[in-house]
Amino acid sequence: MSYATRTSVSAERSKMEIEATLKRYGADQFVSGWRDSAAMIGFRMGNRMIRFVLPLPGITDFYTYETTYRGQKIEKTRNDAAAQQACEQEIRRRFRALSLVIKAKLEAVASGITTFEEEFLAHIVLPGGQTVYEHARGELKSAFENQKTPELLLGFGAGQ
């Protein structure tokens, strides 16, 4: 079962909680927005701009679903109201998960377990507007396709 599957906490309340958490850990800017298929949370800490994009489901994703009856998977359909309710529940769940992720990352940094850059590297916004992940994903894909990846754990990373 996914985290917060049955949450009743609204997406708006989760966003407010994220903003309060970011303030508590030292963020000096916060922004949130949405479009058809995604929500965005952005903030600044120190001189780093961070952007999380949260994919949002559409109602059409919830008209059919699978359930199990006596060990057999059965596909069922929902009416409009039930599909809308399931979609809203999934949106609430995703915002709760994002809140948890951000809190955990900030607490890991505050506890000295890791650094800010290590925790948020993929989400750091570069001067051109792309995140580090958006900038590097092509190179990552190429490295894995060409099987030119470093060996795991042998050096523990540079400088350690």
Protein backbone atom coordinates (compact mmCIF):
# COMPACT_ATOMS: atom_id res chain seq x y z
CA MET A 1 0.00 0.00 0.00
CA SER A 2 1.30 3.45 -0.91
CA TYR A 3 2.05 6.11 1.68
CA ALA A 4 -1.01 8.19 2.73
CA THR A 5 -3.43 6.16 0.62
CA ARG A 6 -6.35 7.07 2.86
CA THR A 7 -5.36 10.61 3.80
CA SER A 8 -8.04 13.21 4.31
CA VAL A 9 -5.50 16.07 4.29
CA SER A 10 -6.23 18.39 1.37
CA ALA A 11 -3.60 19.23 -1.24
CA GLU A 12 -3.87 22.87 -0.15
CA ARG A 13 -3.11 21.98 3.46
CA SER A 14 -0.13 19.89 2.36
CA LYS A 15 1.20 22.85 0.34
CA MET A 16 0.82 25.09 3.39
CA GLU A 17 2.66 22.50 5.47
CA ILE A 18 5.47 22.33 2.90
CA GLU A 19 5.78 26.13 2.95
CA ALA A 20 5.89 26.20 6.77
CA THR A 21 8.53 23.44 6.80
CA LEU A 22 10.66 25.31 4.28
CA LYS A 23 10.46 28.52 6.33
CA ARG A 24 11.43 26.60 9.48
CA TYR A 25 14.55 25.22 7.75
CA GLY A 26 15.59 28.59 6.30
CA ALA A 27 14.01 29.04 2.87
CA ASP A 28 13.58 32.69 1.96
CA GLN A 29 11.37 32.24 -1.12
CA PHE A 30 8.47 29.90 -1.92
CA VAL A 31 6.24 29.48 -4.96
CA SER A 32 3.64 26.93 -6.01
CA GLY A 33 1.63 26.53 -9.15
CA TRP A 34 -0.11 24.00 -11.36
CA ARG A 35 -1.10 23.15 -14.89
CA ASP A 36 -3.20 20.35 -16.39
CA SER A 37 -0.98 17.44 -15.50
CA ALA A 38 1.45 18.71 -12.88
CA ALA A 39 1.92 20.88 -9.83
CA MET A 40 5.15 22.69 -8.98
CA ILE A 41 6.74 23.63 -5.69
CA GLY A 42 9.75 25.93 -5.81
CA PHE A 43 11.88 27.52 -3.14
CA ARG A 44 15.20 29.19 -2.47
CA MET A 45 17.62 28.27 0.29
CA GLY A 46 20.92 30.08 0.44
CA ASN A 47 21.74 30.78 -3.17
CA ARG A 48 20.08 27.63 -4.54
CA MET A 49 16.75 27.61 -6.36
CA ILE A 50 14.94 24.27 -6.08
CA ARG A 51 12.00 23.01 -8.16
CA PHE A 52 9.89 19.91 -7.61
CA VAL A 53 7.38 18.96 -10.31
CA LEU A 54 4.63 16.69 -9.04
CA PRO A 55 2.83 14.72 -11.77
CA LEU A 56 -0.93 14.86 -11.30
CA PRO A 57 -3.34 12.22 -12.54
CA GLY A 58 -6.36 12.98 -14.67
CA ILE A 59 -9.84 11.72 -14.00
CA THR A 60 -9.67 9.39 -17.02
CA ASP A 61 -7.00 7.41 -15.15
CA PHE A 62 -9.64 6.36 -12.60
CA TYR A 63 -12.62 5.11 -14.58
CA THR A 64 -11.22 1.59 -14.62
CA TYR A 65 -9.32 -0.16 -11.87
CA GLU A 66 -8.26 -3.65 -10.86
CA THR A 67 -9.38 -5.44 -7.75
CA THR A 68 -8.84 -8.97 -6.49
CA TYR A 69 -11.57 -11.44 -5.74
CA ARG A 70 -10.54 -14.86 -4.43
CA GLY A 71 -7.08 -14.47 -5.88
CA GLN A 72 -8.25 -13.41 -9.34
CA LYS A 73 -7.72 -9.92 -10.73
CA ILE A 74 -10.94 -8.35 -11.95
CA GLU A 75 -11.21 -5.11 -13.92
CA LYS A 76 -14.05 -2.84 -12.80
CA THR A 77 -15.32 0.55 -13.88
CA ARG A 78 -16.37 3.62 -11.89
CA ASN A 79 -19.01 6.23 -12.60
CA ASP A 80 -18.06 9.92 -12.95
CA ALA A 81 -18.47 10.75 -9.26
CA ALA A 82 -16.47 7.74 -8.08
CA ALA A 83 -13.70 8.41 -10.62
CA GLN A 84 -13.52 12.06 -9.51
CA GLN A 85 -13.33 11.01 -5.86
CA ALA A 86 -10.54 8.48 -6.60
CA CYS A 87 -8.61 11.10 -8.60
CA GLU A 88 -8.88 13.66 -5.79
CA GLN A 89 -7.74 11.04 -3.27
CA GLU A 90 -4.65 10.29 -5.36
CA ILE A 91 -3.82 13.99 -5.63
CA ARG A 92 -4.08 14.34 -1.84
CA ARG A 93 -1.85 11.27 -1.43
CA ARG A 94 0.82 12.62 -3.78
CA PHE A 95 0.97 15.97 -1.98
CA ARG A 96 1.36 14.17 1.37
CA ALA A 97 4.21 12.12 -0.12
CA LEU A 98 5.91 15.27 -1.46
CA SER A 99 5.63 16.89 1.97
CA LEU A 100 7.25 13.83 3.54
CA VAL A 101 10.09 13.80 0.98
CA ILE A 102 10.93 17.47 1.49
CA LYS A 103 10.82 17.16 5.30
CA ALA A 104 13.04 14.07 5.25
CA LYS A 105 15.61 15.72 2.97
CA LEU A 106 15.76 18.88 5.07
CA GLU A 107 16.07 16.92 8.31
CA ALA A 108 18.86 14.75 6.84
CA VAL A 109 20.76 17.94 5.98
CA ALA A 110 20.07 19.55 9.37
CA SER A 111 21.24 16.37 11.14
CA GLY A 112 24.53 16.29 9.23
CA ILE A 113 23.72 13.01 7.51
CA THR A 114 24.14 14.55 4.07
CA THR A 115 24.59 17.95 2.43
CA PHE A 116 21.98 20.19 0.85
CA GLU A 117 23.46 19.66 -2.61
CA GLU A 118 23.50 15.87 -2.20
CA GLU A 119 19.84 15.79 -1.15
CA PHE A 120 18.45 18.27 -3.66
CA LEU A 121 20.89 17.90 -6.58
CA ALA A 122 18.36 16.67 -9.15
CA HIS A 123 16.02 19.56 -8.31
CA ILE A 124 18.52 22.45 -8.28
CA VAL A 125 17.58 24.97 -10.98
CA LEU A 126 20.50 25.92 -13.21
CA PRO A 127 20.94 29.44 -14.64
CA GLY A 128 19.21 28.44 -17.90
CA GLY A 129 16.05 27.33 -16.07
CA GLN A 130 16.56 23.56 -16.30
CA THR A 131 17.01 21.41 -13.24
CA VAL A 132 20.23 19.43 -12.90
CA TYR A 133 18.28 16.27 -13.70
CA GLU A 134 16.72 17.79 -16.84
CA HIS A 135 20.19 18.85 -17.96
CA ALA A 136 21.85 15.50 -17.25
CA ARG A 137 19.17 12.92 -18.13
CA GLY A 138 20.40 12.44 -21.69
CA GLU A 139 23.95 11.78 -20.51
CA LEU A 140 22.67 9.36 -17.85
CA LYS A 141 20.63 7.45 -20.41
CA SER A 142 23.63 7.26 -22.75
CA ALA A 143 25.95 6.07 -19.97
CA PHE A 144 23.63 3.24 -19.05
CA GLU A 145 22.96 2.26 -22.66
CA ASN A 146 26.71 2.13 -23.33
CA GLN A 147 27.31 0.31 -20.04
CA LYS A 148 29.94 2.79 -18.93
CA THR A 149 28.88 3.17 -15.32
CA PRO A 150 31.17 3.31 -12.30
CA GLU A 151 31.44 0.38 -9.93
CA LEU A 152 29.20 0.62 -6.91
CA LEU A 153 30.72 1.64 -3.54
CA LEU A 154 34.34 0.87 -4.39
CA GLY A 155 35.60 4.41 -3.96
CA PHE A 156 32.77 5.77 -1.80
CA GLY A 157 32.78 8.83 -4.05
CA ALA A 158 35.42 11.43 -4.69
CA GLY A 159 36.79 13.21 -1.65
CA GLN A 160 35.48 10.76 0.95
